[in-house]
């Protein structure tokens, strides 16, 4: 394939057009998300804090609700010793960050969205209880929570949900445009068939690589993974493995607050990665047989 100025302009134009088309859907989605978070955030945090031994169940269920700072809030509660490590992991595993807004903006089928969210919730709850069972004798050190959302200015509550929705939309649009442009260039240079054939021939690499991408501590991870899935470069099993490890800014908050427990933080991150890889590899089996999918 010849790659010249005209081809680059064509790819750039396609990326711009595709990105602009997403703006109305992203804005409406974020407006709804900000409304829900503004009305329910404190209630959800109080419920999960009082959940006791049923924390992983409640954490896994509430984690799928589209809220920007829930993983960060749960990390604060964990660092303060108010919830268990299993509950924290359930939230990390079930939260999806930017996957939902992008899927909605791309008109992905509701059945696919529900399927992915359900699987993440089930895995979050199951592994959460398992982790609590294994780590029952580990004591969680007390730390003073910090308001990470206020420090990072990711919610903009003082300016209302309208401005917050606009800020979030513009923020994610920058990520989407840059990542989509890079992916489009890569796909044009390498060829979608070549990439797809390689991934299919080495399906075991998908969950390993995607789980690593998921550990990127911001919304870029879920944007990359979702776009790779929508471009048919990775399958749903690999997508889920990456989304399972994608805890948003949760890991940043964990390392920032839990400064005196670096080994503990690395252990949590390692377990998160291990669960993502194992889950993705296990899902490859039903994916190949058509079961679930």
C-alpha atoms as a PDB file:
ATOM      1  CA  UNK A   1       0.000   0.000   0.000  1.00  0.00           C
ATOM      2  CA  UNK A   2       1.279   3.459  -0.877  1.00  0.00           C
ATOM      3  CA  UNK A   3       1.289   5.836   2.073  1.00  0.00           C
ATOM      4  CA  UNK A   4       1.404   9.471   1.097  1.00  0.00           C
ATOM      5  CA  UNK A   5       0.085  12.891   1.965  1.00  0.00           C
ATOM      6  CA  UNK A   6      -3.342  12.145   0.467  1.00  0.00           C
ATOM      7  CA  UNK A   7      -3.723   8.949   2.491  1.00  0.00           C
ATOM      8  CA  UNK A   8      -2.767  10.732   5.693  1.00  0.00           C
ATOM      9  CA  UNK A   9      -5.297  13.473   4.990  1.00  0.00           C
ATOM     10  CA  UNK A  10      -7.954  10.851   4.340  1.00  0.00           C
ATOM     11  CA  UNK A  11      -7.245   9.057   7.638  1.00  0.00           C
ATOM     12  CA  UNK A  12      -7.152  12.372   9.525  1.00  0.00           C
ATOM     13  CA  UNK A  13     -10.451  13.517   7.987  1.00  0.00           C
ATOM     14  CA  UNK A  14     -12.139  10.188   8.783  1.00  0.00           C
ATOM     15  CA  UNK A  15     -10.916  10.408  12.375  1.00  0.00           C
ATOM     16  CA  UNK A  16     -12.175  13.983  12.782  1.00  0.00           C
ATOM     17  CA  UNK A  17     -15.590  13.162  11.309  1.00  0.00           C
ATOM     18  CA  UNK A  18     -15.972  10.002  13.394  1.00  0.00           C
ATOM     19  CA  UNK A  19     -14.956  11.870  16.551  1.00  0.00           C
ATOM     20  CA  UNK A  20     -17.363  14.771  15.966  1.00  0.00           C
ATOM     21  CA  UNK A  21     -20.234  12.336  15.465  1.00  0.00           C
ATOM     22  CA  UNK A  22     -19.684  11.022  18.990  1.00  0.00           C
ATOM     23  CA  UNK A  23     -20.018  14.386  20.761  1.00  0.00           C
ATOM     24  CA  UNK A  24     -23.850  14.480  21.202  1.00  0.00           C
ATOM     25  CA  UNK A  25     -23.992  10.893  22.475  1.00  0.00           C
ATOM     26  CA  UNK A  26     -21.052  11.368  24.825  1.00  0.00           C
ATOM     27  CA  UNK A  27     -22.446  14.611  26.226  1.00  0.00           C
ATOM     28  CA  UNK A  28     -25.896  13.128  26.908  1.00  0.00           C
ATOM     29  CA  UNK A  29     -24.315  10.065  28.507  1.00  0.00           C
ATOM     30  CA  UNK A  30     -22.068  12.146  30.768  1.00  0.00           C
ATOM     31  CA  UNK A  31     -24.968  14.425  31.668  1.00  0.00           C
ATOM     32  CA  UNK A  32     -26.893  11.389  32.914  1.00  0.00           C
ATOM     33  CA  UNK A  33     -23.815  10.029  34.691  1.00  0.00           C
ATOM     34  CA  UNK A  34     -23.157  13.347  36.453  1.00  0.00           C
ATOM     35  CA  UNK A  35     -26.809  13.567  37.504  1.00  0.00           C
ATOM     36  CA  UNK A  36     -26.673  10.065  38.982  1.00  0.00           C
ATOM     37  CA  UNK A  37     -23.392  10.748  40.730  1.00  0.00           C
ATOM     38  CA  UNK A  38     -24.603  14.061  42.121  1.00  0.00           C
ATOM     39  CA  UNK A  39     -27.722  12.433  43.549  1.00  0.00           C
ATOM     40  CA  UNK A  40     -26.420   9.035  44.664  1.00  0.00           C
ATOM     41  CA  UNK A  41     -22.672   9.269  45.342  1.00  0.00           C
ATOM     42  CA  UNK A  42     -22.819   9.745  49.123  1.00  0.00           C
ATOM     43  CA  UNK A  43     -25.569   7.147  49.492  1.00  0.00           C
ATOM     44  CA  UNK A  44     -23.556   4.544  47.588  1.00  0.00           C
ATOM     45  CA  UNK A  45     -20.427   5.193  49.649  1.00  0.00           C
ATOM     46  CA  UNK A  46     -22.406   4.901  52.886  1.00  0.00           C
ATOM     47  CA  UNK A  47     -24.010   1.657  51.781  1.00  0.00           C
ATOM     48  CA  UNK A  48     -20.759   0.019  50.793  1.00  0.00           C
ATOM     49  CA  UNK A  49     -19.121   1.214  54.012  1.00  0.00           C
ATOM     50  CA  UNK A  50     -21.855  -0.428  56.114  1.00  0.00           C
ATOM     51  CA  UNK A  51     -22.036  -3.635  54.058  1.00  0.00           C
ATOM     52  CA  UNK A  52     -19.725  -5.667  56.334  1.00  0.00           C
ATOM     53  CA  UNK A  53     -19.041  -9.207  55.145  1.00  0.00           C
ATOM     54  CA  UNK A  54     -21.340  -8.653  52.174  1.00  0.00           C
ATOM     55  CA  UNK A  55     -19.047  -5.872  50.931  1.00  0.00           C
ATOM     56  CA  UNK A  56     -17.836  -7.692  47.783  1.00  0.00           C
ATOM     57  CA  UNK A  57     -21.435  -8.318  46.720  1.00  0.00           C
ATOM     58  CA  UNK A  58     -22.452  -4.705  47.138  1.00  0.00           C
ATOM     59  CA  UNK A  59     -19.142  -3.415  45.746  1.00  0.00           C
ATOM     60  CA  UNK A  60     -19.440  -5.548  42.604  1.00  0.00           C
ATOM     61  CA  UNK A  61     -23.026  -4.450  41.972  1.00  0.00           C
ATOM     62  CA  UNK A  62     -22.491  -0.742  42.670  1.00  0.00           C
ATOM     63  CA  UNK A  63     -19.228  -0.758  40.702  1.00  0.00           C
ATOM     64  CA  UNK A  64     -21.040  -1.216  37.396  1.00  0.00           C
ATOM     65  CA  UNK A  65     -23.045   1.992  37.936  1.00  0.00           C
ATOM     66  CA  UNK A  66     -21.421   4.622  35.696  1.00  0.00           C
ATOM     67  CA  UNK A  67     -19.776   6.936  38.211  1.00  0.00           C
ATOM     68  CA  UNK A  68     -16.471   8.637  37.510  1.00  0.00           C
ATOM     69  CA  UNK A  69     -15.032   8.676  41.021  1.00  0.00           C
ATOM     70  CA  UNK A  70     -16.464   5.547  42.650  1.00  0.00           C
ATOM     71  CA  UNK A  71     -13.220   3.553  42.388  1.00  0.00           C
ATOM     72  CA  UNK A  72     -11.337   6.492  43.923  1.00  0.00           C
ATOM     73  CA  UNK A  73     -13.892   6.828  46.721  1.00  0.00           C
ATOM     74  CA  UNK A  74     -13.730   3.098  47.452  1.00  0.00           C
ATOM     75  CA  UNK A  75      -9.935   3.317  47.597  1.00  0.00           C
ATOM     76  CA  UNK A  76     -10.236   6.051  50.215  1.00  0.00           C
ATOM     77  CA  UNK A  77     -12.570   3.844  52.261  1.00  0.00           C
ATOM     78  CA  UNK A  78     -10.176   0.905  51.961  1.00  0.00           C
ATOM     79  CA  UNK A  79      -7.149   2.965  52.955  1.00  0.00           C
ATOM     80  CA  UNK A  80      -9.085   4.176  56.003  1.00  0.00           C
ATOM     81  CA  UNK A  81      -9.819   0.569  56.970  1.00  0.00           C
ATOM     82  CA  UNK A  82     -13.567   0.974  56.418  1.00  0.00           C
ATOM     83  CA  UNK A  83     -13.970  -1.718  53.755  1.00  0.00           C
ATOM     84  CA  UNK A  84     -12.139  -4.976  53.048  1.00  0.00           C
ATOM     85  CA  UNK A  85      -9.592  -5.650  50.320  1.00  0.00           C
ATOM     86  CA  UNK A  86     -12.112  -8.016  48.710  1.00  0.00           C
ATOM     87  CA  UNK A  87     -14.692  -5.234  48.530  1.00  0.00           C
ATOM     88  CA  UNK A  88     -12.112  -2.911  46.977  1.00  0.00           C
ATOM     89  CA  UNK A  89     -11.175  -5.535  44.377  1.00  0.00           C
ATOM     90  CA  UNK A  90     -14.850  -6.153  43.585  1.00  0.00           C
ATOM     91  CA  UNK A  91     -15.247  -2.451  42.780  1.00  0.00           C
ATOM     92  CA  UNK A  92     -12.046  -2.368  40.719  1.00  0.00           C
ATOM     93  CA  UNK A  93     -13.071  -5.426  38.707  1.00  0.00           C
ATOM     94  CA  UNK A  94     -16.647  -4.333  38.020  1.00  0.00           C
ATOM     95  CA  UNK A  95     -16.054  -0.683  37.116  1.00  0.00           C
ATOM     96  CA  UNK A  96     -15.763   0.053  33.395  1.00  0.00           C
ATOM     97  CA  UNK A  97     -14.613   3.682  33.222  1.00  0.00           C
ATOM     98  CA  UNK A  98     -15.149   5.029  29.666  1.00  0.00           C
ATOM     99  CA  UNK A  99     -16.329   1.803  28.036  1.00  0.00           C
ATOM    100  CA  UNK A 100     -20.025   2.528  28.546  1.00  0.00           C
ATOM    101  CA  UNK A 101     -20.101   6.076  27.081  1.00  0.00           C
ATOM    102  CA  UNK A 102     -18.121   4.954  24.017  1.00  0.00           C
ATOM    103  CA  UNK A 103     -20.330   1.897  23.470  1.00  0.00           C
ATOM    104  CA  UNK A 104     -23.462   4.035  23.726  1.00  0.00           C
ATOM    105  CA  UNK A 105     -22.046   6.655  21.358  1.00  0.00           C
ATOM    106  CA  UNK A 106     -21.158   3.925  18.840  1.00  0.00           C
ATOM    107  CA  UNK A 107     -24.655   2.397  19.148  1.00  0.00           C
ATOM    108  CA  UNK A 108     -23.324  -0.957  20.330  1.00  0.00           C
ATOM    109  CA  UNK A 109     -26.143  -3.422  20.996  1.00  0.00           C
ATOM    110  CA  UNK A 110     -27.697  -3.313  24.466  1.00  0.00           C
ATOM    111  CA  UNK A 111     -27.320  -7.087  24.738  1.00  0.00           C
ATOM    112  CA  UNK A 112     -23.531  -6.813  24.349  1.00  0.00           C
ATOM    113  CA  UNK A 113     -23.298  -3.995  26.892  1.00  0.00           C
ATOM    114  CA  UNK A 114     -25.388  -5.884  29.456  1.00  0.00           C
ATOM    115  CA  UNK A 115     -23.388  -9.063  28.835  1.00  0.00           C
ATOM    116  CA  UNK A 116     -20.042  -7.375  29.486  1.00  0.00           C
ATOM    117  CA  UNK A 117     -21.276  -5.512  32.567  1.00  0.00           C
ATOM    118  CA  UNK A 118     -22.852  -8.683  33.964  1.00  0.00           C
ATOM    119  CA  UNK A 119     -19.678 -10.715  33.478  1.00  0.00           C
ATOM    120  CA  UNK A 120     -17.567  -8.017  35.123  1.00  0.00           C
ATOM    121  CA  UNK A 121     -19.996  -7.798  38.042  1.00  0.00           C
ATOM    122  CA  UNK A 122     -20.038 -11.579  38.527  1.00  0.00           C
ATOM    123  CA  UNK A 123     -16.262 -11.818  38.373  1.00  0.00           C
ATOM    124  CA  UNK A 124     -15.924  -8.863  40.748  1.00  0.00           C
ATOM    125  CA  UNK A 125     -18.247 -10.372  43.345  1.00  0.00           C
ATOM    126  CA  UNK A 126     -16.793 -13.904  43.057  1.00  0.00           C
ATOM    127  CA  UNK A 127     -13.147 -12.871  43.273  1.00  0.00           C
ATOM    128  CA  UNK A 128     -13.970 -10.316  45.960  1.00  0.00           C
ATOM    129  CA  UNK A 129     -15.375 -12.990  48.265  1.00  0.00           C
ATOM    130  CA  UNK A 130     -12.500 -15.339  47.405  1.00  0.00           C
ATOM    131  CA  UNK A 131      -9.888 -12.686  48.224  1.00  0.00           C
ATOM    132  CA  UNK A 132     -11.569 -11.830  51.531  1.00  0.00           C
ATOM    133  CA  UNK A 133     -11.642 -15.522  52.390  1.00  0.00           C
ATOM    134  CA  UNK A 134      -7.920 -15.880  51.684  1.00  0.00           C
ATOM    135  CA  UNK A 135      -6.856 -12.641  53.336  1.00  0.00           C
ATOM    136  CA  UNK A 136      -9.034 -12.811  56.453  1.00  0.00           C
ATOM    137  CA  UNK A 137      -6.015 -12.498  58.716  1.00  0.00           C
ATOM    138  CA  UNK A 138      -4.533  -9.444  56.979  1.00  0.00           C
ATOM    139  CA  UNK A 139      -5.161  -6.238  58.885  1.00  0.00           C
ATOM    140  CA  UNK A 140      -5.827  -3.072  56.911  1.00  0.00           C
ATOM    141  CA  UNK A 141      -3.863  -0.075  58.138  1.00  0.00           C
ATOM    142  CA  UNK A 142      -5.768   3.095  58.914  1.00  0.00           C
ATOM    143  CA  UNK A 143      -5.111   6.125  56.755  1.00  0.00           C
ATOM    144  CA  UNK A 144      -6.744   9.510  56.519  1.00  0.00           C
ATOM    145  CA  UNK A 145      -8.753   9.711  53.288  1.00  0.00           C
ATOM    146  CA  UNK A 146      -8.114  12.525  50.826  1.00  0.00           C
ATOM    147  CA  UNK A 147     -10.557  14.027  48.375  1.00  0.00           C
ATOM    148  CA  UNK A 148      -8.845  12.938  45.153  1.00  0.00           C
ATOM    149  CA  UNK A 149     -11.712  14.220  43.028  1.00  0.00           C
ATOM    150  CA  UNK A 150     -11.255  17.698  44.470  1.00  0.00           C
ATOM    151  CA  UNK A 151      -7.482  17.565  44.007  1.00  0.00           C
ATOM    152  CA  UNK A 152      -7.682  16.354  40.408  1.00  0.00           C
ATOM    153  CA  UNK A 153     -10.733  18.510  39.613  1.00  0.00           C
ATOM    154  CA  UNK A 154     -12.448  15.677  37.782  1.00  0.00           C
ATOM    155  CA  UNK A 155     -16.001  16.332  38.979  1.00  0.00           C
ATOM    156  CA  UNK A 156     -16.406  20.115  39.063  1.00  0.00           C
ATOM    157  CA  UNK A 157     -19.347  19.825  41.496  1.00  0.00           C
ATOM    158  CA  UNK A 158     -19.094  23.496  42.374  1.00  0.00           C
ATOM    159  CA  UNK A 159     -19.880  24.440  38.765  1.00  0.00           C
ATOM    160  CA  UNK A 160     -22.874  22.146  38.334  1.00  0.00           C
ATOM    161  CA  UNK A 161     -23.494  18.995  36.302  1.00  0.00           C
ATOM    162  CA  UNK A 162     -23.784  20.850  32.972  1.00  0.00           C
ATOM    163  CA  UNK A 163     -20.239  22.219  33.033  1.00  0.00           C
ATOM    164  CA  UNK A 164     -18.937  18.936  34.450  1.00  0.00           C
ATOM    165  CA  UNK A 165     -20.555  17.068  31.552  1.00  0.00           C
ATOM    166  CA  UNK A 166     -19.005  19.451  29.009  1.00  0.00           C
ATOM    167  CA  UNK A 167     -15.564  19.103  30.616  1.00  0.00           C
ATOM    168  CA  UNK A 168     -15.800  15.299  30.675  1.00  0.00           C
ATOM    169  CA  UNK A 169     -16.999  15.211  27.065  1.00  0.00           C
ATOM    170  CA  UNK A 170     -14.139  17.402  25.826  1.00  0.00           C
ATOM    171  CA  UNK A 171     -11.635  15.487  27.942  1.00  0.00           C
ATOM    172  CA  UNK A 172     -12.633  12.077  26.605  1.00  0.00           C
ATOM    173  CA  UNK A 173     -12.909  13.449  23.058  1.00  0.00           C
ATOM    174  CA  UNK A 174      -9.209  14.349  23.164  1.00  0.00           C
ATOM    175  CA  UNK A 175      -8.360  10.782  24.192  1.00  0.00           C
ATOM    176  CA  UNK A 176     -10.700   9.304  21.596  1.00  0.00           C
ATOM    177  CA  UNK A 177      -9.351  11.480  18.783  1.00  0.00           C
ATOM    178  CA  UNK A 178      -5.659  10.810  19.530  1.00  0.00           C
ATOM    179  CA  UNK A 179      -6.069   7.091  20.133  1.00  0.00           C
ATOM    180  CA  UNK A 180      -8.417   6.625  17.170  1.00  0.00           C
ATOM    181  CA  UNK A 181      -5.988   8.475  14.901  1.00  0.00           C
ATOM    182  CA  UNK A 182      -3.060   6.318  16.046  1.00  0.00           C
ATOM    183  CA  UNK A 183      -5.122   3.149  15.641  1.00  0.00           C
ATOM    184  CA  UNK A 184      -6.365   4.174  12.191  1.00  0.00           C
ATOM    185  CA  UNK A 185      -2.823   4.900  11.022  1.00  0.00           C
ATOM    186  CA  UNK A 186      -1.562   1.608  12.444  1.00  0.00           C
ATOM    187  CA  UNK A 187      -4.417  -0.336  10.891  1.00  0.00           C
ATOM    188  CA  UNK A 188      -3.857   1.294   7.495  1.00  0.00           C
ATOM    189  CA  UNK A 189      -0.114   0.621   7.607  1.00  0.00           C
ATOM    190  CA  UNK A 190      -0.308  -2.950   8.874  1.00  0.00           C
ATOM    191  CA  UNK A 191      -3.711  -3.971   7.566  1.00  0.00           C
ATOM    192  CA  UNK A 192      -6.734  -5.047   9.615  1.00  0.00           C
ATOM    193  CA  UNK A 193      -6.566  -8.574   8.204  1.00  0.00           C
ATOM    194  CA  UNK A 194      -2.923  -8.980   9.230  1.00  0.00           C
ATOM    195  CA  UNK A 195      -3.638  -7.759  12.766  1.00  0.00           C
ATOM    196  CA  UNK A 196      -6.776  -9.854  13.156  1.00  0.00           C
ATOM    197  CA  UNK A 197      -5.053 -12.988  11.851  1.00  0.00           C
ATOM    198  CA  UNK A 198      -2.153 -12.510  14.263  1.00  0.00           C
ATOM    199  CA  UNK A 199      -4.460 -12.010  17.256  1.00  0.00           C
ATOM    200  CA  UNK A 200      -6.574 -15.001  16.294  1.00  0.00           C
ATOM    201  CA  UNK A 201      -3.496 -17.185  15.779  1.00  0.00           C
ATOM    202  CA  UNK A 202      -2.100 -16.095  19.160  1.00  0.00           C
ATOM    203  CA  UNK A 203      -5.332 -15.729  21.117  1.00  0.00           C
ATOM    204  CA  UNK A 204      -3.583 -16.404  24.433  1.00  0.00           C
ATOM    205  CA  UNK A 205      -1.654 -13.119  24.042  1.00  0.00           C
ATOM    206  CA  UNK A 206      -4.848 -11.049  23.952  1.00  0.00           C
ATOM    207  CA  UNK A 207      -5.741 -11.251  27.664  1.00  0.00           C
ATOM    208  CA  UNK A 208      -2.067 -10.925  28.684  1.00  0.00           C
ATOM    209  CA  UNK A 209      -1.556  -7.696  26.729  1.00  0.00           C
ATOM    210  CA  UNK A 210      -5.023  -6.234  27.332  1.00  0.00           C
ATOM    211  CA  UNK A 211      -4.822  -6.831  31.093  1.00  0.00           C
ATOM    212  CA  UNK A 212      -1.566  -4.883  31.082  1.00  0.00           C
ATOM    213  CA  UNK A 213      -3.180  -2.028  29.139  1.00  0.00           C
ATOM    214  CA  UNK A 214      -6.020  -2.004  31.664  1.00  0.00           C
ATOM    215  CA  UNK A 215      -3.589  -1.134  34.443  1.00  0.00           C
ATOM    216  CA  UNK A 216      -2.950   2.303  32.875  1.00  0.00           C
ATOM    217  CA  UNK A 217      -4.359   4.490  35.679  1.00  0.00           C
ATOM    218  CA  UNK A 218      -6.670   6.763  33.707  1.00  0.00           C
ATOM    219  CA  UNK A 219      -9.477   6.620  31.168  1.00  0.00           C
ATOM    220  CA  UNK A 220      -7.009   6.138  28.294  1.00  0.00           C
ATOM    221  CA  UNK A 221      -6.895   2.396  29.055  1.00  0.00           C
ATOM    222  CA  UNK A 222     -10.611   1.784  28.552  1.00  0.00           C
ATOM    223  CA  UNK A 223     -10.621   4.045  25.465  1.00  0.00           C
ATOM    224  CA  UNK A 224      -7.785   2.036  23.896  1.00  0.00           C
ATOM    225  CA  UNK A 225      -9.379  -1.317  24.711  1.00  0.00           C
ATOM    226  CA  UNK A 226     -12.852  -0.309  23.563  1.00  0.00           C
ATOM    227  CA  UNK A 227     -11.547   1.067  20.264  1.00  0.00           C
ATOM    228  CA  UNK A 228      -9.493  -2.075  19.667  1.00  0.00           C
ATOM    229  CA  UNK A 229     -12.634  -4.139  20.209  1.00  0.00           C
ATOM    230  CA  UNK A 230     -14.779  -1.937  17.966  1.00  0.00           C
ATOM    231  CA  UNK A 231     -12.067  -2.210  15.281  1.00  0.00           C
ATOM    232  CA  UNK A 232     -12.255  -6.027  15.516  1.00  0.00           C
ATOM    233  CA  UNK A 233      -8.607  -6.215  16.563  1.00  0.00           C
ATOM    234  CA  UNK A 234      -9.357  -7.975  19.871  1.00  0.00           C
ATOM    235  CA  UNK A 235     -12.251 -10.212  20.830  1.00  0.00           C
ATOM    236  CA  UNK A 236     -14.661  -9.803  23.713  1.00  0.00           C
ATOM    237  CA  UNK A 237     -12.646 -12.070  26.023  1.00  0.00           C
ATOM    238  CA  UNK A 238      -9.572  -9.863  25.636  1.00  0.00           C
ATOM    239  CA  UNK A 239     -11.690  -6.728  26.045  1.00  0.00           C
ATOM    240  CA  UNK A 240     -13.156  -8.016  29.303  1.00  0.00           C
ATOM    241  CA  UNK A 241      -9.726  -9.030  30.621  1.00  0.00           C
ATOM    242  CA  UNK A 242      -8.506  -5.467  30.083  1.00  0.00           C
ATOM    243  CA  UNK A 243     -11.648  -3.891  31.522  1.00  0.00           C
ATOM    244  CA  UNK A 244     -11.350  -6.084  34.617  1.00  0.00           C
ATOM    245  CA  UNK A 245      -7.929  -4.637  35.444  1.00  0.00           C
ATOM    246  CA  UNK A 246      -8.987  -1.104  34.525  1.00  0.00           C
ATOM    247  CA  UNK A 247      -9.657   0.600  37.862  1.00  0.00           C
ATOM    248  CA  UNK A 248      -9.433   4.135  36.483  1.00  0.00           C
ATOM    249  CA  UNK A 249      -7.648   6.452  38.912  1.00  0.00           C
ATOM    250  CA  UNK A 250      -8.205   3.947  41.710  1.00  0.00           C
ATOM    251  CA  UNK A 251      -4.619   2.672  41.634  1.00  0.00           C
ATOM    252  CA  UNK A 252      -3.214   6.217  41.635  1.00  0.00           C
ATOM    253  CA  UNK A 253      -5.249   6.988  44.751  1.00  0.00           C
ATOM    254  CA  UNK A 254      -4.122   3.729  46.347  1.00  0.00           C
ATOM    255  CA  UNK A 255      -0.413   4.466  45.876  1.00  0.00           C
ATOM    256  CA  UNK A 256      -0.890   8.104  46.881  1.00  0.00           C
ATOM    257  CA  UNK A 257      -2.715   7.374  50.148  1.00  0.00           C
ATOM    258  CA  UNK A 258      -1.201   4.007  51.057  1.00  0.00           C
ATOM    259  CA  UNK A 259       2.365   5.321  50.804  1.00  0.00           C
ATOM    260  CA  UNK A 260       3.651   3.250  53.723  1.00  0.00           C
ATOM    261  CA  UNK A 261       2.306  -0.010  52.294  1.00  0.00           C
ATOM    262  CA  UNK A 262       3.928  -0.190  48.855  1.00  0.00           C
ATOM    263  CA  UNK A 263       4.210  -3.989  49.021  1.00  0.00           C
ATOM    264  CA  UNK A 264       0.514  -4.215  49.817  1.00  0.00           C
ATOM    265  CA  UNK A 265      -0.315  -1.926  46.890  1.00  0.00           C
ATOM    266  CA  UNK A 266       1.861  -3.947  44.506  1.00  0.00           C
ATOM    267  CA  UNK A 267       0.200  -7.123  45.758  1.00  0.00           C
ATOM    268  CA  UNK A 268      -3.252  -5.694  45.018  1.00  0.00           C
ATOM    269  CA  UNK A 269      -2.136  -4.589  41.546  1.00  0.00           C
ATOM    270  CA  UNK A 270      -0.552  -8.006  40.897  1.00  0.00           C
ATOM    271  CA  UNK A 271      -3.707  -9.836  41.951  1.00  0.00           C
ATOM    272  CA  UNK A 272      -5.768  -7.522  39.757  1.00  0.00           C
ATOM    273  CA  UNK A 273      -3.563  -8.298  36.750  1.00  0.00           C
ATOM    274  CA  UNK A 274      -3.594 -12.041  37.479  1.00  0.00           C
ATOM    275  CA  UNK A 275      -7.395 -12.069  37.662  1.00  0.00           C
ATOM    276  CA  UNK A 276      -7.647 -10.161  34.379  1.00  0.00           C
ATOM    277  CA  UNK A 277      -5.347 -12.586  32.544  1.00  0.00           C
ATOM    278  CA  UNK A 278      -6.890 -15.757  33.982  1.00  0.00           C
ATOM    279  CA  UNK A 279     -10.436 -14.525  33.364  1.00  0.00           C
ATOM    280  CA  UNK A 280      -9.643 -13.601  29.769  1.00  0.00           C
ATOM    281  CA  UNK A 281      -8.002 -16.957  29.081  1.00  0.00           C
ATOM    282  CA  UNK A 282     -10.961 -18.808  30.605  1.00  0.00           C
ATOM    283  CA  UNK A 283     -13.395 -16.762  28.536  1.00  0.00           C
ATOM    284  CA  UNK A 284     -11.481 -17.713  25.376  1.00  0.00           C
ATOM    285  CA  UNK A 285     -12.854 -21.255  25.754  1.00  0.00           C
ATOM    286  CA  UNK A 286     -16.583 -20.392  25.701  1.00  0.00           C
ATOM    287  CA  UNK A 287     -15.792 -17.755  23.069  1.00  0.00           C
ATOM    288  CA  UNK A 288     -14.531 -20.466  20.764  1.00  0.00           C
ATOM    289  CA  UNK A 289     -17.495 -22.759  21.350  1.00  0.00           C
ATOM    290  CA  UNK A 290     -20.159 -20.073  21.101  1.00  0.00           C
ATOM    291  CA  UNK A 291     -21.246 -20.580  24.717  1.00  0.00           C
ATOM    292  CA  UNK A 292     -22.197 -17.211  26.322  1.00  0.00           C
ATOM    293  CA  UNK A 293     -21.460 -15.446  23.057  1.00  0.00           C
END
